[in-house]
Amino acid sequence: MLQLTIRKANGYPTAPKSLQKQNELILVMKKLESDVNRITFNYEKKNNDLDDLKKSLLQKAFAGELTQTKVTA
């Protein structure tokens, strides 16, 4: 979640914008929010996938399934 504190806001110009300009800014901000949400979702999914892979590898390791076996021909 993004936050704009009063301290941060004081550093930005506050000249009134036309309604059209305000609507354009809203569209840009909504697009950015959508991008952030998509990136966050993808990050969390990949993080969960890595956790699942780790659990699987540990289970195989403790079961002895990751050791090399000698193949004779």
PDB file of N, CA and C in Angstrom:
ATOM      1  N   MET A   1       0.846  -1.168   0.000  1.00  0.00           N
ATOM      2  CA  MET A   1       0.000   0.000   0.000  1.00  0.00           C
ATOM      3  C   MET A   1       0.891   1.230   0.000  1.00  0.00           C
ATOM      4  N   LEU A   2       0.566   2.177  -0.846  1.00  0.00           N
ATOM      5  CA  LEU A   2       1.316   3.415  -0.917  1.00  0.00           C
ATOM      6  C   LEU A   2       0.699   4.437   0.018  1.00  0.00           C
ATOM      7  N   GLN A   3       1.562   5.222   0.661  1.00  0.00           N
ATOM      8  CA  GLN A   3       1.068   6.244   1.569  1.00  0.00           C
ATOM      9  C   GLN A   3       1.671   7.582   1.199  1.00  0.00           C
ATOM     10  N   LEU A   4       0.874   8.614   1.282  1.00  0.00           N
ATOM     11  CA  LEU A   4       1.346   9.966   1.080  1.00  0.00           C
ATOM     12  C   LEU A   4       1.074  10.720   2.369  1.00  0.00           C
ATOM     13  N   THR A   5       2.136  10.978   3.110  1.00  0.00           N
ATOM     14  CA  THR A   5       1.977  11.680   4.378  1.00  0.00           C
ATOM     15  C   THR A   5       1.925  13.181   4.124  1.00  0.00           C
ATOM     16  N   ILE A   6       1.474  13.912   5.123  1.00  0.00           N
ATOM     17  CA  ILE A   6       1.417  15.374   4.999  1.00  0.00           C
ATOM     18  C   ILE A   6       2.811  15.930   4.755  1.00  0.00           C
ATOM     19  N   ARG A   7       3.798  15.387   5.423  1.00  0.00           N
ATOM     20  CA  ARG A   7       5.176  15.852   5.260  1.00  0.00           C
ATOM     21  C   ARG A   7       5.627  15.681   3.806  1.00  0.00           C
ATOM     22  N   LYS A   8       5.323  14.517   3.207  1.00  0.00           N
ATOM     23  CA  LYS A   8       5.683  14.290   1.809  1.00  0.00           C
ATOM     24  C   LYS A   8       4.858  15.179   0.884  1.00  0.00           C
ATOM     25  N   ALA A   9       3.585  15.335   1.178  1.00  0.00           N
ATOM     26  CA  ALA A   9       2.695  16.113   0.318  1.00  0.00           C
ATOM     27  C   ALA A   9       3.090  17.578   0.281  1.00  0.00           C
ATOM     28  N   ASN A  10       3.641  18.087   1.353  1.00  0.00           N
ATOM     29  CA  ASN A  10       4.039  19.491   1.395  1.00  0.00           C
ATOM     30  C   ASN A  10       5.115  19.801   0.365  1.00  0.00           C
ATOM     31  N   GLY A  11       5.845  18.827  -0.086  1.00  0.00           N
ATOM     32  CA  GLY A  11       6.893  19.047  -1.063  1.00  0.00           C
ATOM     33  C   GLY A  11       6.393  19.079  -2.501  1.00  0.00           C
ATOM     34  N   TYR A  12       5.132  18.799  -2.729  1.00  0.00           N
ATOM     35  CA  TYR A  12       4.585  18.762  -4.079  1.00  0.00           C
ATOM     36  C   TYR A  12       3.777  20.028  -4.365  1.00  0.00           C
ATOM     37  N   PRO A  13       3.828  20.488  -5.612  1.00  0.00           N
ATOM     38  CA  PRO A  13       3.011  21.662  -5.961  1.00  0.00           C
ATOM     39  C   PRO A  13       1.530  21.309  -5.877  1.00  0.00           C
ATOM     40  N   THR A  14       0.742  22.249  -5.449  1.00  0.00           N
ATOM     41  CA  THR A  14      -0.690  21.970  -5.256  1.00  0.00           C
ATOM     42  C   THR A  14      -1.568  22.912  -6.075  1.00  0.00           C
ATOM     43  N   ALA A  15      -1.049  23.391  -7.193  1.00  0.00           N
ATOM     44  CA  ALA A  15      -1.865  24.266  -8.033  1.00  0.00           C
ATOM     45  C   ALA A  15      -3.064  23.479  -8.557  1.00  0.00           C
ATOM     46  N   PRO A  16      -4.221  24.117  -8.568  1.00  0.00           N
ATOM     47  CA  PRO A  16      -5.413  23.409  -9.050  1.00  0.00           C
ATOM     48  C   PRO A  16      -5.242  22.979 -10.512  1.00  0.00           C
ATOM     49  N   LYS A  17      -5.662  21.771 -10.792  1.00  0.00           N
ATOM     50  CA  LYS A  17      -5.594  21.226 -12.137  1.00  0.00           C
ATOM     51  C   LYS A  17      -6.997  21.200 -12.725  1.00  0.00           C
ATOM     52  N   SER A  18      -7.066  21.180 -14.038  1.00  0.00           N
ATOM     53  CA  SER A  18      -8.374  21.066 -14.686  1.00  0.00           C
ATOM     54  C   SER A  18      -8.951  19.691 -14.387  1.00  0.00           C
ATOM     55  N   LEU A  19     -10.241  19.586 -14.499  1.00  0.00           N
ATOM     56  CA  LEU A  19     -10.902  18.306 -14.244  1.00  0.00           C
ATOM     57  C   LEU A  19     -10.385  17.242 -15.207  1.00  0.00           C
ATOM     58  N   GLN A  20     -10.135  17.619 -16.445  1.00  0.00           N
ATOM     59  CA  GLN A  20      -9.609  16.669 -17.418  1.00  0.00           C
ATOM     60  C   GLN A  20      -8.238  16.165 -16.978  1.00  0.00           C
ATOM     61  N   LYS A  21      -7.387  17.054 -16.515  1.00  0.00           N
ATOM     62  CA  LYS A  21      -6.049  16.676 -16.064  1.00  0.00           C
ATOM     63  C   LYS A  21      -6.148  15.767 -14.832  1.00  0.00           C
ATOM     64  N   GLN A  22      -7.061  16.073 -13.939  1.00  0.00           N
ATOM     65  CA  GLN A  22      -7.256  15.235 -12.750  1.00  0.00           C
ATOM     66  C   GLN A  22      -7.680  13.828 -13.165  1.00  0.00           C
ATOM     67  N   ASN A  23      -8.592  13.727 -14.127  1.00  0.00           N
ATOM     68  CA  ASN A  23      -9.058  12.417 -14.595  1.00  0.00           C
ATOM     69  C   ASN A  23      -7.921  11.650 -15.266  1.00  0.00           C
ATOM     70  N   GLU A  24      -7.073  12.350 -16.011  1.00  0.00           N
ATOM     71  CA  GLU A  24      -5.916  11.700 -16.625  1.00  0.00           C
ATOM     72  C   GLU A  24      -4.973  11.152 -15.557  1.00  0.00           C
ATOM     73  N   LEU A  25      -4.747  11.946 -14.520  1.00  0.00           N
ATOM     74  CA  LEU A  25      -3.877  11.496 -13.426  1.00  0.00           C
ATOM     75  C   LEU A  25      -4.471  10.292 -12.709  1.00  0.00           C
ATOM     76  N   ILE A  26      -5.776  10.294 -12.542  1.00  0.00           N
ATOM     77  CA  ILE A  26      -6.445   9.157 -11.894  1.00  0.00           C
ATOM     78  C   ILE A  26      -6.243   7.892 -12.721  1.00  0.00           C
ATOM     79  N   LEU A  27      -6.371   8.000 -14.040  1.00  0.00           N
ATOM     80  CA  LEU A  27      -6.171   6.832 -14.904  1.00  0.00           C
ATOM     81  C   LEU A  27      -4.739   6.312 -14.798  1.00  0.00           C
ATOM     82  N   VAL A  28      -3.778   7.220 -14.765  1.00  0.00           N
ATOM     83  CA  VAL A  28      -2.371   6.814 -14.632  1.00  0.00           C
ATOM     84  C   VAL A  28      -2.154   6.120 -13.293  1.00  0.00           C
ATOM     85  N   MET A  29      -2.718   6.688 -12.234  1.00  0.00           N
ATOM     86  CA  MET A  29      -2.545   6.093 -10.904  1.00  0.00           C
ATOM     87  C   MET A  29      -3.226   4.730 -10.808  1.00  0.00           C
ATOM     88  N   LYS A  30      -4.386   4.579 -11.439  1.00  0.00           N
ATOM     89  CA  LYS A  30      -5.067   3.281 -11.425  1.00  0.00           C
ATOM     90  C   LYS A  30      -4.253   2.241 -12.180  1.00  0.00           C
ATOM     91  N   LYS A  31      -3.635   2.651 -13.288  1.00  0.00           N
ATOM     92  CA  LYS A  31      -2.776   1.735 -14.050  1.00  0.00           C
ATOM     93  C   LYS A  31      -1.580   1.310 -13.203  1.00  0.00           C
ATOM     94  N   LEU A  32      -0.974   2.270 -12.518  1.00  0.00           N
ATOM     95  CA  LEU A  32       0.159   1.942 -11.646  1.00  0.00           C
ATOM     96  C   LEU A  32      -0.265   0.998 -10.524  1.00  0.00           C
ATOM     97  N   GLU A  33      -1.426   1.252  -9.945  1.00  0.00           N
ATOM     98  CA  GLU A  33      -1.929   0.379  -8.884  1.00  0.00           C
ATOM     99  C   GLU A  33      -2.153  -1.033  -9.411  1.00  0.00           C
ATOM    100  N   SER A  34      -2.717  -1.123 -10.610  1.00  0.00           N
ATOM    101  CA  SER A  34      -2.946  -2.423 -11.226  1.00  0.00           C
ATOM    102  C   SER A  34      -1.622  -3.147 -11.467  1.00  0.00           C
ATOM    103  N   ASP A  35      -0.621  -2.421 -11.953  1.00  0.00           N
ATOM    104  CA  ASP A  35       0.696  -3.017 -12.184  1.00  0.00           C
ATOM    105  C   ASP A  35       1.315  -3.515 -10.881  1.00  0.00           C
ATOM    106  N   VAL A  36       1.209  -2.710  -9.836  1.00  0.00           N
ATOM    107  CA  VAL A  36       1.757  -3.111  -8.531  1.00  0.00           C
ATOM    108  C   VAL A  36       1.052  -4.358  -8.025  1.00  0.00           C
ATOM    109  N   ASN A  37      -0.270  -4.401  -8.157  1.00  0.00           N
ATOM    110  CA  ASN A  37      -1.025  -5.575  -7.706  1.00  0.00           C
ATOM    111  C   ASN A  37      -0.637  -6.826  -8.486  1.00  0.00           C
ATOM    112  N   ARG A  38      -0.449  -6.678  -9.806  1.00  0.00           N
ATOM    113  CA  ARG A  38      -0.057  -7.816 -10.645  1.00  0.00           C
ATOM    114  C   ARG A  38       1.336  -8.308 -10.258  1.00  0.00           C
ATOM    115  N   ILE A  39       2.262  -7.396 -10.058  1.00  0.00           N
ATOM    116  CA  ILE A  39       3.625  -7.773  -9.682  1.00  0.00           C
ATOM    117  C   ILE A  39       3.632  -8.434  -8.309  1.00  0.00           C
ATOM    118  N   THR A  40       2.868  -7.886  -7.383  1.00  0.00           N
ATOM    119  CA  THR A  40       2.787  -8.464  -6.034  1.00  0.00           C
ATOM    120  C   THR A  40       2.218  -9.875  -6.094  1.00  0.00           C
ATOM    121  N   PHE A  41       1.156 -10.069  -6.875  1.00  0.00           N
ATOM    122  CA  PHE A  41       0.554 -11.398  -7.020  1.00  0.00           C
ATOM    123  C   PHE A  41       1.570 -12.387  -7.586  1.00  0.00           C
ATOM    124  N   ASN A  42       2.273 -11.982  -8.657  1.00  0.00           N
ATOM    125  CA  ASN A  42       3.266 -12.866  -9.271  1.00  0.00           C
ATOM    126  C   ASN A  42       4.393 -13.196  -8.311  1.00  0.00           C
ATOM    127  N   TYR A  43       4.849 -12.205  -7.554  1.00  0.00           N
ATOM    128  CA  TYR A  43       5.905 -12.437  -6.567  1.00  0.00           C
ATOM    129  C   TYR A  43       5.453 -13.452  -5.522  1.00  0.00           C
ATOM    130  N   GLU A  44       4.259 -13.256  -4.991  1.00  0.00           N
ATOM    131  CA  GLU A  44       3.758 -14.169  -3.962  1.00  0.00           C
ATOM    132  C   GLU A  44       3.577 -15.575  -4.519  1.00  0.00           C
ATOM    133  N   LYS A  45       3.100 -15.685  -5.759  1.00  0.00           N
ATOM    134  CA  LYS A  45       2.935 -17.009  -6.384  1.00  0.00           C
ATOM    135  C   LYS A  45       4.275 -17.699  -6.539  1.00  0.00           C
ATOM    136  N   LYS A  46       5.270 -16.984  -7.053  1.00  0.00           N
ATOM    137  CA  LYS A  46       6.592 -17.577  -7.232  1.00  0.00           C
ATOM    138  C   LYS A  46       7.215 -17.934  -5.883  1.00  0.00           C
ATOM    139  N   ASN A  47       6.998 -17.115  -4.879  1.00  0.00           N
ATOM    140  CA  ASN A  47       7.510 -17.402  -3.546  1.00  0.00           C
ATOM    141  C   ASN A  47       6.871 -18.672  -2.989  1.00  0.00           C
ATOM    142  N   ASN A  48       5.567 -18.831  -3.180  1.00  0.00           N
ATOM    143  CA  ASN A  48       4.871 -20.045  -2.737  1.00  0.00           C
ATOM    144  C   ASN A  48       5.364 -21.266  -3.500  1.00  0.00           C
ATOM    145  N   ASP A  49       5.585 -21.096  -4.818  1.00  0.00           N
ATOM    146  CA  ASP A  49       6.099 -22.203  -5.621  1.00  0.00           C
ATOM    147  C   ASP A  49       7.484 -22.633  -5.132  1.00  0.00           C
ATOM    148  N   LEU A  50       8.324 -21.660  -4.782  1.00  0.00           N
ATOM    149  CA  LEU A  50       9.654 -21.987  -4.257  1.00  0.00           C
ATOM    150  C   LEU A  50       9.566 -22.712  -2.919  1.00  0.00           C
ATOM    151  N   ASP A  51       8.639 -22.299  -2.076  1.00  0.00           N
ATOM    152  CA  ASP A  51       8.439 -22.992  -0.797  1.00  0.00           C
ATOM    153  C   ASP A  51       8.013 -24.440  -1.034  1.00  0.00           C
ATOM    154  N   ASP A  52       7.119 -24.649  -1.986  1.00  0.00           N
ATOM    155  CA  ASP A  52       6.686 -26.015  -2.313  1.00  0.00           C
ATOM    156  C   ASP A  52       7.846 -26.848  -2.841  1.00  0.00           C
ATOM    157  N   LEU A  53       8.665 -26.255  -3.705  1.00  0.00           N
ATOM    158  CA  LEU A  53       9.828 -26.960  -4.247  1.00  0.00           C
ATOM    159  C   LEU A  53      10.805 -27.326  -3.131  1.00  0.00           C
ATOM    160  N   LYS A  54      11.027 -26.400  -2.217  1.00  0.00           N
ATOM    161  CA  LYS A  54      11.931 -26.657  -1.086  1.00  0.00           C
ATOM    162  C   LYS A  54      11.423 -27.839  -0.254  1.00  0.00           C
ATOM    163  N   LYS A  55      10.123 -27.840   0.039  1.00  0.00           N
ATOM    164  CA  LYS A  55       9.553 -28.935   0.820  1.00  0.00           C
ATOM    165  C   LYS A  55       9.710 -30.266   0.089  1.00  0.00           C
ATOM    166  N   SER A  56       9.477 -30.239  -1.212  1.00  0.00           N
ATOM    167  CA  SER A  56       9.597 -31.451  -2.015  1.00  0.00           C
ATOM    168  C   SER A  56      11.031 -31.970  -2.022  1.00  0.00           C
ATOM    169  N   LEU A  57      11.982 -31.067  -2.202  1.00  0.00           N
ATOM    170  CA  LEU A  57      13.386 -31.473  -2.208  1.00  0.00           C
ATOM    171  C   LEU A  57      13.821 -32.030  -0.856  1.00  0.00           C
ATOM    172  N   LEU A  58      13.380 -31.375   0.215  1.00  0.00           N
ATOM    173  CA  LEU A  58      13.726 -31.876   1.547  1.00  0.00           C
ATOM    174  C   LEU A  58      13.123 -33.254   1.781  1.00  0.00           C
ATOM    175  N   GLN A  59      11.889 -33.456   1.341  1.00  0.00           N
ATOM    176  CA  GLN A  59      11.250 -34.760   1.509  1.00  0.00           C
ATOM    177  C   GLN A  59      12.018 -35.831   0.738  1.00  0.00           C
ATOM    178  N   LYS A  60      12.426 -35.522  -0.490  1.00  0.00           N
ATOM    179  CA  LYS A  60      13.194 -36.478  -1.289  1.00  0.00           C
ATOM    180  C   LYS A  60      14.569 -36.732  -0.664  1.00  0.00           C
ATOM    181  N   ALA A  61      15.177 -35.692  -0.120  1.00  0.00           N
ATOM    182  CA  ALA A  61      16.492 -35.845   0.498  1.00  0.00           C
ATOM    183  C   ALA A  61      16.416 -36.767   1.713  1.00  0.00           C
ATOM    184  N   PHE A  62      15.419 -36.560   2.551  1.00  0.00           N
ATOM    185  CA  PHE A  62      15.291 -37.400   3.742  1.00  0.00           C
ATOM    186  C   PHE A  62      14.871 -38.826   3.395  1.00  0.00           C
ATOM    187  N   ALA A  63      14.243 -39.004   2.253  1.00  0.00           N
ATOM    188  CA  ALA A  63      13.854 -40.347   1.815  1.00  0.00           C
ATOM    189  C   ALA A  63      14.990 -41.032   1.056  1.00  0.00           C
ATOM    190  N   GLY A  64      16.103 -40.331   0.860  1.00  0.00           N
ATOM    191  CA  GLY A  64      17.251 -40.919   0.176  1.00  0.00           C
ATOM    192  C   GLY A  64      17.086 -40.976  -1.318  1.00  0.00           C
ATOM    193  N   GLU A  65      16.211 -40.191  -1.868  1.00  0.00           N
ATOM    194  CA  GLU A  65      15.955 -40.233  -3.308  1.00  0.00           C
ATOM    195  C   GLU A  65      16.861 -39.321  -4.116  1.00  0.00           C
ATOM    196  N   LEU A  66      17.756 -38.584  -3.463  1.00  0.00           N
ATOM    197  CA  LEU A  66      18.608 -37.656  -4.178  1.00  0.00           C
ATOM    198  C   LEU A  66      20.050 -38.137  -4.299  1.00  0.00           C
ATOM    199  N   THR A  67      20.315 -39.343  -3.829  1.00  0.00           N
ATOM    200  CA  THR A  67      21.680 -39.850  -3.921  1.00  0.00           C
ATOM    201  C   THR A  67      21.923 -40.442  -5.284  1.00  0.00           C
ATOM    202  N   GLN A  68      23.170 -40.361  -5.717  1.00  0.00           N
ATOM    203  CA  GLN A  68      23.531 -40.937  -7.009  1.00  0.00           C
ATOM    204  C   GLN A  68      23.666 -42.435  -6.885  1.00  0.00           C
ATOM    205  N   THR A  69      23.215 -43.127  -7.905  1.00  0.00           N
ATOM    206  CA  THR A  69      23.402 -44.572  -7.947  1.00  0.00           C
ATOM    207  C   THR A  69      24.298 -44.899  -9.127  1.00  0.00           C
ATOM    208  N   LYS A  70      25.125 -45.898  -8.940  1.00  0.00           N
ATOM    209  CA  LYS A  70      26.041 -46.297  -9.995  1.00  0.00           C
ATOM    210  C   LYS A  70      25.316 -47.187 -10.984  1.00  0.00           C
ATOM    211  N   VAL A  71      25.412 -46.825 -12.238  1.00  0.00           N
ATOM    212  CA  VAL A  71      24.765 -47.612 -13.286  1.00  0.00           C
ATOM    213  C   VAL A  71      25.814 -48.491 -13.927  1.00  0.00           C
ATOM    214  N   THR A  72      25.542 -49.788 -13.962  1.00  0.00           N
ATOM    215  CA  THR A  72      26.457 -50.708 -14.610  1.00  0.00           C
ATOM    216  C   THR A  72      25.846 -51.175 -15.920  1.00  0.00           C
ATOM    217  N   ALA A  73      26.696 -51.270 -16.910  1.00  0.00           N
ATOM    218  CA  ALA A  73      26.198 -51.658 -18.227  1.00  0.00           C
ATOM    219  C   ALA A  73      26.516 -53.104 -18.531  1.00  0.00           C
TER     220      ALA A  73
END
